[in-house]
Amino acid sequence: MLEAIVVVTKFNAFFYSMFVRITILCLLASATSHSAILAVERADALYHSYDGGGVVIDGPSFLVKKNVADIFSFTGNYYVGMVTSA
């Protein structure tokens, strides 16, 4: 019975040490991620069109990039590709 307790204790100690190492690596990675450069704020509108081989593909695309409080950057894209063939 004592041997089983020793094995379980060594097993738990191994996973605890791995947990500590992974936690330290995650903290270091998050500390370096704060130095990222935010995207340039912009708004784009595009209309695309293709006509060939009996197929017509066209539609609009809108892209918006917005920074909030110099911490977050949001990107939104709306894209429509309508396909018709006759």
N, C-alpha and C. Protein backbone atom coordinates (compact mmCIF):
# COMPACT_ATOMS: atom_id res chain seq x y z
N MET A 1 0.82 -1.20 0.00
CA MET A 1 0.00 0.00 0.00
C MET A 1 0.87 1.26 0.00
N LEU A 2 1.95 1.23 0.71
CA LEU A 2 2.85 2.38 0.79
C LEU A 2 3.47 2.67 -0.57
N GLU A 3 3.77 1.64 -1.34
CA GLU A 3 4.35 1.84 -2.68
C GLU A 3 3.36 2.55 -3.59
N ALA A 4 2.09 2.23 -3.48
CA ALA A 4 1.06 2.88 -4.30
C ALA A 4 0.96 4.36 -3.96
N ILE A 5 1.07 4.72 -2.70
CA ILE A 5 1.01 6.12 -2.29
C ILE A 5 2.22 6.87 -2.82
N VAL A 6 3.38 6.28 -2.80
CA VAL A 6 4.58 6.92 -3.32
C VAL A 6 4.47 7.16 -4.81
N VAL A 7 3.95 6.18 -5.56
CA VAL A 7 3.80 6.31 -7.01
C VAL A 7 2.80 7.42 -7.33
N VAL A 8 1.67 7.46 -6.62
CA VAL A 8 0.67 8.51 -6.86
C VAL A 8 1.25 9.88 -6.52
N THR A 9 2.02 9.98 -5.48
CA THR A 9 2.63 11.25 -5.11
C THR A 9 3.62 11.71 -6.17
N LYS A 10 4.43 10.82 -6.70
CA LYS A 10 5.37 11.19 -7.76
C LYS A 10 4.62 11.59 -9.02
N PHE A 11 3.53 10.89 -9.32
CA PHE A 11 2.71 11.19 -10.48
C PHE A 11 2.10 12.59 -10.35
N ASN A 12 1.54 12.90 -9.19
CA ASN A 12 0.96 14.21 -8.95
C ASN A 12 2.02 15.31 -8.97
N ALA A 13 3.20 15.04 -8.45
CA ALA A 13 4.27 16.02 -8.45
C ALA A 13 4.71 16.33 -9.88
N PHE A 14 4.74 15.32 -10.75
CA PHE A 14 5.11 15.54 -12.16
C PHE A 14 4.11 16.47 -12.83
N PHE A 15 2.81 16.19 -12.67
CA PHE A 15 1.80 17.03 -13.31
C PHE A 15 1.75 18.42 -12.70
N TYR A 16 2.00 18.54 -11.43
CA TYR A 16 2.05 19.86 -10.81
C TYR A 16 3.21 20.68 -11.38
N SER A 17 4.37 20.06 -11.54
CA SER A 17 5.51 20.79 -12.10
C SER A 17 5.25 21.18 -13.55
N MET A 18 4.57 20.31 -14.31
CA MET A 18 4.23 20.66 -15.70
C MET A 18 3.22 21.80 -15.73
N PHE A 19 2.27 21.80 -14.80
CA PHE A 19 1.29 22.87 -14.72
C PHE A 19 1.97 24.20 -14.42
N VAL A 20 2.93 24.19 -13.51
CA VAL A 20 3.66 25.41 -13.16
C VAL A 20 4.44 25.91 -14.38
N ARG A 21 5.09 25.04 -15.10
CA ARG A 21 5.87 25.45 -16.27
C ARG A 21 4.98 26.02 -17.36
N ILE A 22 3.85 25.39 -17.62
CA ILE A 22 2.93 25.89 -18.64
C ILE A 22 2.35 27.23 -18.22
N THR A 23 2.05 27.40 -16.95
CA THR A 23 1.53 28.68 -16.46
C THR A 23 2.55 29.78 -16.64
N ILE A 24 3.80 29.52 -16.34
CA ILE A 24 4.85 30.52 -16.51
C ILE A 24 5.00 30.88 -17.98
N LEU A 25 4.98 29.90 -18.86
CA LEU A 25 5.08 30.18 -20.30
C LEU A 25 3.91 31.02 -20.79
N CYS A 26 2.70 30.74 -20.31
CA CYS A 26 1.54 31.53 -20.70
C CYS A 26 1.64 32.96 -20.21
N LEU A 27 2.12 33.15 -18.99
CA LEU A 27 2.30 34.50 -18.46
C LEU A 27 3.34 35.28 -19.26
N LEU A 28 4.43 34.62 -19.63
CA LEU A 28 5.44 35.29 -20.44
C LEU A 28 4.90 35.64 -21.82
N ALA A 29 4.12 34.75 -22.40
CA ALA A 29 3.55 35.02 -23.73
C ALA A 29 2.55 36.16 -23.66
N SER A 30 1.74 36.23 -22.61
CA SER A 30 0.77 37.31 -22.51
C SER A 30 1.45 38.65 -22.21
N ALA A 31 2.57 38.62 -21.53
CA ALA A 31 3.29 39.86 -21.25
C ALA A 31 3.86 40.45 -22.53
N THR A 32 4.28 39.62 -23.45
CA THR A 32 4.83 40.13 -24.71
C THR A 32 3.74 40.48 -25.70
N SER A 33 2.54 39.97 -25.53
CA SER A 33 1.47 40.26 -26.50
C SER A 33 0.92 41.67 -26.36
N HIS A 34 1.20 42.36 -25.27
CA HIS A 34 0.70 43.72 -25.07
C HIS A 34 1.44 44.74 -25.92
N SER A 35 2.53 44.36 -26.51
CA SER A 35 3.31 45.31 -27.28
C SER A 35 2.95 45.31 -28.76
N ALA A 36 1.82 44.74 -29.13
CA ALA A 36 1.41 44.67 -30.53
C ALA A 36 0.97 46.05 -31.01
N ILE A 37 1.14 46.29 -32.28
CA ILE A 37 0.73 47.54 -32.91
C ILE A 37 -0.69 47.36 -33.42
N LEU A 38 -1.57 48.31 -33.11
CA LEU A 38 -2.95 48.23 -33.55
C LEU A 38 -3.06 48.53 -35.04
N ALA A 39 -4.10 47.99 -35.65
CA ALA A 39 -4.34 48.20 -37.08
C ALA A 39 -4.70 49.67 -37.34
N VAL A 40 -4.44 50.11 -38.54
CA VAL A 40 -4.79 51.46 -38.95
C VAL A 40 -6.31 51.53 -39.12
N GLU A 41 -6.94 52.56 -38.55
CA GLU A 41 -8.38 52.71 -38.71
C GLU A 41 -8.70 53.05 -40.15
N ARG A 42 -9.69 52.33 -40.72
CA ARG A 42 -10.05 52.58 -42.11
C ARG A 42 -11.41 52.01 -42.40
N ALA A 43 -12.00 52.47 -43.50
CA ALA A 43 -13.27 51.95 -44.00
C ALA A 43 -13.13 51.85 -45.51
N ASP A 44 -13.41 50.69 -46.06
CA ASP A 44 -13.29 50.45 -47.50
C ASP A 44 -14.62 49.94 -48.04
N ALA A 45 -14.92 50.35 -49.26
CA ALA A 45 -16.10 49.84 -49.98
C ALA A 45 -15.62 49.37 -51.35
N LEU A 46 -16.12 48.22 -51.77
CA LEU A 46 -15.68 47.62 -53.02
C LEU A 46 -16.87 46.97 -53.70
N TYR A 47 -16.95 47.09 -55.02
CA TYR A 47 -17.94 46.35 -55.78
C TYR A 47 -17.19 45.52 -56.80
N HIS A 48 -17.36 44.21 -56.75
CA HIS A 48 -16.65 43.33 -57.67
C HIS A 48 -17.61 42.75 -58.69
N SER A 49 -17.08 42.45 -59.87
CA SER A 49 -17.91 41.91 -60.93
C SER A 49 -17.07 41.02 -61.83
N TYR A 50 -17.64 39.87 -62.20
CA TYR A 50 -17.00 38.95 -63.14
C TYR A 50 -18.07 38.44 -64.10
N ASP A 51 -17.78 38.46 -65.39
CA ASP A 51 -18.70 37.98 -66.41
C ASP A 51 -17.91 37.15 -67.40
N GLY A 52 -18.13 35.85 -67.38
CA GLY A 52 -17.41 35.00 -68.32
C GLY A 52 -17.89 33.57 -68.24
N GLY A 53 -17.90 32.88 -69.38
CA GLY A 53 -18.30 31.47 -69.41
C GLY A 53 -19.76 31.26 -69.08
N GLY A 54 -20.60 32.24 -69.36
CA GLY A 54 -22.02 32.10 -69.05
C GLY A 54 -22.36 32.31 -67.59
N VAL A 55 -21.39 32.78 -66.81
CA VAL A 55 -21.62 33.00 -65.38
C VAL A 55 -21.34 34.47 -65.06
N VAL A 56 -22.21 35.05 -64.27
CA VAL A 56 -22.01 36.43 -63.80
C VAL A 56 -21.92 36.39 -62.28
N ILE A 57 -20.84 36.91 -61.74
CA ILE A 57 -20.64 36.98 -60.29
C ILE A 57 -20.38 38.44 -59.94
N ASP A 58 -21.19 38.98 -59.03
CA ASP A 58 -20.97 40.36 -58.61
C ASP A 58 -21.54 40.57 -57.22
N GLY A 59 -21.13 41.66 -56.61
CA GLY A 59 -21.63 42.00 -55.28
C GLY A 59 -20.72 42.97 -54.56
N PRO A 60 -21.21 43.50 -53.45
CA PRO A 60 -20.43 44.48 -52.69
C PRO A 60 -19.58 43.83 -51.59
N SER A 61 -18.61 44.60 -51.13
CA SER A 61 -17.80 44.21 -49.97
C SER A 61 -17.50 45.48 -49.18
N PHE A 62 -17.69 45.41 -47.87
CA PHE A 62 -17.41 46.54 -46.99
C PHE A 62 -16.48 46.07 -45.88
N LEU A 63 -15.45 46.84 -45.62
CA LEU A 63 -14.47 46.53 -44.58
C LEU A 63 -14.32 47.73 -43.66
N VAL A 64 -14.39 47.48 -42.34
CA VAL A 64 -14.21 48.55 -41.35
C VAL A 64 -13.23 48.05 -40.29
N LYS A 65 -12.21 48.85 -40.00
CA LYS A 65 -11.26 48.58 -38.92
C LYS A 65 -11.32 49.75 -37.96
N LYS A 66 -11.55 49.45 -36.68
CA LYS A 66 -11.72 50.50 -35.67
C LYS A 66 -10.94 50.15 -34.42
N ASN A 67 -10.23 51.12 -33.87
CA ASN A 67 -9.51 50.96 -32.61
C ASN A 67 -10.34 51.56 -31.48
N VAL A 68 -10.29 50.91 -30.31
CA VAL A 68 -11.05 51.37 -29.16
C VAL A 68 -10.07 51.56 -28.00
N ALA A 69 -9.98 52.77 -27.51
CA ALA A 69 -9.20 53.12 -26.32
C ALA A 69 -7.73 52.70 -26.43
N ASP A 70 -7.19 52.66 -27.60
CA ASP A 70 -5.78 52.31 -27.85
C ASP A 70 -5.39 50.96 -27.23
N ILE A 71 -6.38 50.08 -27.05
CA ILE A 71 -6.12 48.77 -26.48
C ILE A 71 -6.60 47.66 -27.42
N PHE A 72 -7.81 47.85 -27.99
CA PHE A 72 -8.42 46.84 -28.82
C PHE A 72 -8.57 47.32 -30.24
N SER A 73 -8.55 46.39 -31.17
CA SER A 73 -8.79 46.69 -32.57
C SER A 73 -9.84 45.73 -33.09
N PHE A 74 -10.93 46.27 -33.64
CA PHE A 74 -12.00 45.46 -34.18
C PHE A 74 -12.00 45.55 -35.70
N THR A 75 -12.30 44.44 -36.35
CA THR A 75 -12.38 44.39 -37.80
C THR A 75 -13.70 43.74 -38.18
N GLY A 76 -14.42 44.39 -39.08
CA GLY A 76 -15.68 43.83 -39.59
C GLY A 76 -15.65 43.83 -41.10
N ASN A 77 -16.11 42.74 -41.70
CA ASN A 77 -16.13 42.63 -43.15
C ASN A 77 -17.47 42.05 -43.59
N TYR A 78 -18.12 42.69 -44.53
CA TYR A 78 -19.37 42.23 -45.12
C TYR A 78 -19.10 41.99 -46.59
N TYR A 79 -19.32 40.76 -47.06
CA TYR A 79 -18.98 40.39 -48.43
C TYR A 79 -20.13 39.60 -49.03
N VAL A 80 -20.58 40.01 -50.21
CA VAL A 80 -21.66 39.31 -50.90
C VAL A 80 -21.17 38.96 -52.29
N GLY A 81 -21.30 37.70 -52.67
CA GLY A 81 -20.97 37.27 -54.02
C GLY A 81 -22.19 36.60 -54.61
N MET A 82 -22.93 37.32 -55.47
CA MET A 82 -24.14 36.76 -56.09
C MET A 82 -23.75 36.11 -57.41
N VAL A 83 -24.14 34.86 -57.58
CA VAL A 83 -23.79 34.10 -58.78
C VAL A 83 -25.06 33.86 -59.57
N THR A 84 -25.03 34.22 -60.84
CA THR A 84 -26.15 33.94 -61.73
C THR A 84 -25.62 33.32 -63.01
N SER A 85 -26.40 32.44 -63.58
CA SER A 85 -26.03 31.85 -64.88
C SER A 85 -27.30 31.65 -65.68
N ALA A 86 -27.19 31.91 -66.96
CA ALA A 86 -28.39 31.78 -67.81
C ALA A 86 -28.00 31.10 -69.11
